[in-house]
């Protein structure tokens, strides 16, 4: 008998590129160099993702259920486009 393959989840590794999340009265922003991008509800997700060596989309969804999935997906896409994270496929045992 052969067991089914585990589901592939989108996983991301943090790059060495510097970035921070700054909170202000007008809202939080992702700061890369001199550029600032507003984060909306996803500021806590961004802080978490940037503080980890790696994370998965499923992990973020479980940890931040109050942030809509579309906003989480947009944040991950932005982090990837900015070179802050790289997608990879985890290798199991």
N, C-alpha and C. Protein backbone atom coordinates (compact mmCIF):
# COMPACT_ATOMS: atom_id res chain seq x y z
N UNK A 1 0.84 -1.18 0.00
CA UNK A 1 0.00 0.00 0.00
C UNK A 1 0.88 1.25 0.00
N UNK A 2 0.50 2.18 -0.81
CA UNK A 2 1.28 3.42 -0.92
C UNK A 2 0.46 4.57 -0.33
N UNK A 3 1.09 5.35 0.54
CA UNK A 3 0.43 6.48 1.16
C UNK A 3 0.39 7.66 0.18
N UNK A 4 -0.65 8.48 0.26
CA UNK A 4 -0.69 9.64 -0.62
C UNK A 4 0.40 10.64 -0.25
N UNK A 5 0.83 11.38 -1.22
CA UNK A 5 1.84 12.41 -0.98
C UNK A 5 1.23 13.53 -0.14
N UNK A 6 2.01 14.11 0.76
CA UNK A 6 1.49 15.22 1.55
C UNK A 6 1.22 16.41 0.63
N UNK A 7 0.28 17.26 1.02
CA UNK A 7 0.00 18.43 0.18
C UNK A 7 1.21 19.36 0.13
N UNK A 8 1.42 19.95 -1.00
CA UNK A 8 2.52 20.91 -1.16
C UNK A 8 2.00 22.27 -0.71
N UNK A 9 2.67 22.84 0.24
CA UNK A 9 2.28 24.16 0.71
C UNK A 9 3.33 25.16 0.25
N UNK A 10 2.88 26.35 -0.04
CA UNK A 10 3.81 27.40 -0.47
C UNK A 10 4.68 27.80 0.72
N UNK A 11 5.97 27.59 0.59
CA UNK A 11 6.92 27.94 1.65
C UNK A 11 7.89 28.97 1.12
N UNK A 12 8.38 29.81 2.03
CA UNK A 12 9.24 30.93 1.65
C UNK A 12 10.41 31.04 2.61
N UNK A 13 11.59 31.32 2.08
CA UNK A 13 12.79 31.55 2.88
C UNK A 13 13.11 33.03 2.85
N UNK A 14 13.50 33.57 3.98
CA UNK A 14 13.84 35.00 4.09
C UNK A 14 15.20 35.23 3.45
N UNK A 15 15.31 36.29 2.68
CA UNK A 15 16.59 36.66 2.07
C UNK A 15 17.36 37.56 3.04
N UNK A 16 18.55 37.95 2.63
CA UNK A 16 19.39 38.83 3.44
C UNK A 16 19.04 40.32 3.26
N UNK A 17 18.16 40.62 2.32
CA UNK A 17 17.82 42.02 2.03
C UNK A 17 17.16 42.67 3.25
N UNK A 18 17.63 43.85 3.61
CA UNK A 18 17.13 44.56 4.79
C UNK A 18 15.77 45.19 4.52
N UNK A 19 14.89 45.07 5.50
CA UNK A 19 13.57 45.70 5.45
C UNK A 19 13.02 45.76 6.86
N UNK A 20 12.18 46.75 7.11
CA UNK A 20 11.55 46.87 8.42
C UNK A 20 10.08 47.23 8.24
N UNK A 21 9.33 47.03 9.30
CA UNK A 21 7.95 47.49 9.35
C UNK A 21 7.92 48.63 10.35
N UNK A 22 7.48 49.78 9.89
CA UNK A 22 7.37 50.95 10.77
C UNK A 22 5.91 51.26 11.01
N UNK A 23 5.57 51.45 12.28
CA UNK A 23 4.20 51.82 12.64
C UNK A 23 4.14 53.32 12.91
N UNK A 24 3.09 53.95 12.40
CA UNK A 24 2.89 55.38 12.61
C UNK A 24 1.39 55.62 12.79
N UNK A 25 1.03 56.82 13.16
CA UNK A 25 -0.38 57.16 13.38
C UNK A 25 -1.21 56.92 12.13
N UNK A 26 -0.63 57.16 10.96
CA UNK A 26 -1.37 56.99 9.70
C UNK A 26 -1.39 55.54 9.22
N UNK A 27 -0.71 54.64 9.93
CA UNK A 27 -0.70 53.23 9.57
C UNK A 27 0.71 52.70 9.43
N UNK A 28 0.82 51.40 9.31
CA UNK A 28 2.13 50.75 9.20
C UNK A 28 2.57 50.69 7.74
N UNK A 29 3.89 50.66 7.56
CA UNK A 29 4.45 50.61 6.22
C UNK A 29 5.67 49.70 6.20
N UNK A 30 5.87 49.04 5.07
CA UNK A 30 7.08 48.27 4.83
C UNK A 30 8.12 49.24 4.30
N UNK A 31 9.29 49.26 4.94
CA UNK A 31 10.34 50.18 4.54
C UNK A 31 11.52 49.38 4.00
N UNK A 32 11.84 49.63 2.73
CA UNK A 32 13.00 49.02 2.07
C UNK A 32 13.81 50.18 1.52
N UNK A 33 14.98 50.40 2.09
CA UNK A 33 15.78 51.55 1.68
C UNK A 33 15.00 52.83 1.93
N UNK A 34 14.85 53.65 0.90
CA UNK A 34 14.10 54.90 1.03
C UNK A 34 12.62 54.73 0.68
N UNK A 35 12.23 53.54 0.24
CA UNK A 35 10.85 53.31 -0.18
C UNK A 35 9.95 52.86 0.97
N UNK A 36 8.69 53.32 0.92
CA UNK A 36 7.70 52.94 1.94
C UNK A 36 6.45 52.44 1.22
N UNK A 37 5.96 51.26 1.63
CA UNK A 37 4.74 50.69 1.06
C UNK A 37 3.75 50.45 2.19
N UNK A 38 2.54 51.05 2.12
CA UNK A 38 1.54 50.82 3.17
C UNK A 38 1.18 49.34 3.28
N UNK A 39 0.92 48.88 4.51
CA UNK A 39 0.64 47.47 4.74
C UNK A 39 -0.81 47.16 5.11
N UNK A 40 -1.61 48.14 5.43
CA UNK A 40 -2.99 47.88 5.80
C UNK A 40 -3.08 46.93 6.97
N UNK A 41 -4.00 45.96 6.90
CA UNK A 41 -4.20 45.01 7.99
C UNK A 41 -3.07 44.00 8.12
N UNK A 42 -2.22 43.92 7.12
CA UNK A 42 -1.20 42.86 7.09
C UNK A 42 0.10 43.24 7.80
N UNK A 43 0.12 44.30 8.59
CA UNK A 43 1.39 44.72 9.20
C UNK A 43 1.95 43.66 10.16
N UNK A 44 1.10 43.01 10.96
CA UNK A 44 1.59 41.98 11.88
C UNK A 44 2.09 40.76 11.11
N UNK A 45 1.44 40.44 10.00
CA UNK A 45 1.88 39.33 9.15
C UNK A 45 3.26 39.65 8.59
N UNK A 46 3.45 40.87 8.13
CA UNK A 46 4.74 41.28 7.57
C UNK A 46 5.84 41.23 8.63
N UNK A 47 5.55 41.74 9.83
CA UNK A 47 6.54 41.69 10.91
C UNK A 47 6.96 40.25 11.19
N UNK A 48 5.97 39.37 11.27
CA UNK A 48 6.26 37.96 11.55
C UNK A 48 7.08 37.33 10.42
N UNK A 49 6.64 37.51 9.20
CA UNK A 49 7.32 36.91 8.05
C UNK A 49 8.77 37.39 7.95
N UNK A 50 9.00 38.66 8.20
CA UNK A 50 10.35 39.21 8.08
C UNK A 50 11.25 38.79 9.24
N UNK A 51 10.66 38.36 10.35
CA UNK A 51 11.45 37.97 11.52
C UNK A 51 11.84 36.49 11.50
N UNK A 52 11.32 35.72 10.57
CA UNK A 52 11.54 34.27 10.51
C UNK A 52 12.53 33.91 9.41
N UNK A 53 13.30 32.84 9.60
CA UNK A 53 14.18 32.39 8.51
C UNK A 53 13.37 31.77 7.37
N UNK A 54 12.18 31.24 7.71
CA UNK A 54 11.30 30.65 6.70
C UNK A 54 9.89 30.58 7.28
N UNK A 55 8.90 30.51 6.39
CA UNK A 55 7.51 30.38 6.81
C UNK A 55 6.72 29.80 5.65
N UNK A 56 5.50 29.36 5.93
CA UNK A 56 4.63 28.86 4.87
C UNK A 56 3.36 29.71 4.85
N UNK A 57 2.69 29.69 3.72
CA UNK A 57 1.43 30.41 3.60
C UNK A 57 0.40 29.83 4.57
N UNK A 58 0.42 28.52 4.76
CA UNK A 58 -0.51 27.87 5.70
C UNK A 58 -0.22 28.32 7.13
N UNK A 59 1.04 28.47 7.47
CA UNK A 59 1.42 28.94 8.80
C UNK A 59 0.88 30.35 9.05
N UNK A 60 1.03 31.23 8.06
CA UNK A 60 0.52 32.60 8.21
C UNK A 60 -0.99 32.61 8.35
N UNK A 61 -1.67 31.79 7.56
CA UNK A 61 -3.13 31.73 7.62
C UNK A 61 -3.60 31.27 9.00
N UNK A 62 -2.90 30.29 9.58
CA UNK A 62 -3.28 29.79 10.90
C UNK A 62 -2.95 30.79 12.00
N UNK A 63 -1.84 31.48 11.86
CA UNK A 63 -1.40 32.42 12.90
C UNK A 63 -2.17 33.74 12.84
N UNK A 64 -2.62 34.14 11.66
CA UNK A 64 -3.29 35.43 11.48
C UNK A 64 -4.64 35.25 10.79
N UNK A 65 -5.58 34.52 11.40
CA UNK A 65 -6.86 34.26 10.74
C UNK A 65 -7.71 35.51 10.54
N UNK A 66 -7.41 36.58 11.27
CA UNK A 66 -8.17 37.83 11.13
C UNK A 66 -7.78 38.65 9.90
N UNK A 67 -6.67 38.29 9.27
CA UNK A 67 -6.24 38.99 8.05
C UNK A 67 -6.77 38.20 6.85
N UNK A 68 -7.56 38.83 5.99
CA UNK A 68 -8.16 38.11 4.86
C UNK A 68 -7.09 37.41 3.99
N UNK A 69 -7.43 36.21 3.50
CA UNK A 69 -6.48 35.45 2.67
C UNK A 69 -5.96 36.24 1.47
N UNK A 70 -6.80 37.04 0.85
CA UNK A 70 -6.34 37.84 -0.31
C UNK A 70 -5.28 38.85 0.11
N UNK A 71 -5.42 39.42 1.31
CA UNK A 71 -4.43 40.38 1.78
C UNK A 71 -3.11 39.67 2.12
N UNK A 72 -3.22 38.47 2.68
CA UNK A 72 -2.00 37.71 2.98
C UNK A 72 -1.29 37.32 1.69
N UNK A 73 -2.04 36.89 0.69
CA UNK A 73 -1.44 36.51 -0.60
C UNK A 73 -0.78 37.72 -1.26
N UNK A 74 -1.43 38.88 -1.18
CA UNK A 74 -0.85 40.10 -1.76
C UNK A 74 0.44 40.49 -1.04
N UNK A 75 0.46 40.33 0.28
CA UNK A 75 1.66 40.65 1.04
C UNK A 75 2.81 39.71 0.64
N UNK A 76 2.54 38.41 0.57
CA UNK A 76 3.58 37.46 0.19
C UNK A 76 4.10 37.78 -1.21
N UNK A 77 3.21 38.09 -2.14
CA UNK A 77 3.62 38.45 -3.49
C UNK A 77 4.51 39.69 -3.48
N UNK A 78 4.16 40.67 -2.64
CA UNK A 78 4.95 41.90 -2.54
C UNK A 78 6.33 41.59 -1.95
N UNK A 79 6.39 40.77 -0.90
CA UNK A 79 7.67 40.41 -0.30
C UNK A 79 8.55 39.66 -1.29
N UNK A 80 7.93 38.79 -2.08
CA UNK A 80 8.67 38.02 -3.08
C UNK A 80 9.18 38.94 -4.19
N UNK A 81 8.33 39.84 -4.68
CA UNK A 81 8.72 40.77 -5.74
C UNK A 81 9.84 41.70 -5.29
N UNK A 82 9.85 42.04 -4.00
CA UNK A 82 10.87 42.94 -3.45
C UNK A 82 12.17 42.20 -3.14
N UNK A 83 12.20 40.88 -3.35
CA UNK A 83 13.42 40.12 -3.07
C UNK A 83 13.65 39.87 -1.59
N UNK A 84 12.59 39.97 -0.78
CA UNK A 84 12.72 39.76 0.66
C UNK A 84 12.53 38.29 1.03
N UNK A 85 11.80 37.55 0.21
CA UNK A 85 11.59 36.12 0.42
C UNK A 85 11.70 35.41 -0.92
N UNK A 86 12.02 34.11 -0.86
CA UNK A 86 12.11 33.27 -2.05
C UNK A 86 11.29 32.01 -1.80
N UNK A 87 10.47 31.66 -2.77
CA UNK A 87 9.65 30.46 -2.62
C UNK A 87 10.51 29.20 -2.79
N UNK A 88 10.20 28.19 -2.01
CA UNK A 88 10.90 26.90 -2.14
C UNK A 88 9.92 25.78 -1.79
N UNK A 89 10.27 24.56 -2.15
CA UNK A 89 9.48 23.38 -1.82
C UNK A 89 10.23 22.60 -0.76
N UNK A 90 9.66 22.48 0.44
CA UNK A 90 10.35 21.73 1.50
C UNK A 90 10.51 20.26 1.11
N UNK A 91 11.63 19.70 1.46
CA UNK A 91 11.89 18.28 1.21
C UNK A 91 11.62 17.52 2.49
N UNK A 92 10.72 16.54 2.42
CA UNK A 92 10.39 15.74 3.59
C UNK A 92 11.23 14.49 3.62
N UNK A 93 11.67 14.17 4.84
CA UNK A 93 12.42 12.98 5.18
C UNK A 93 12.99 12.24 4.10
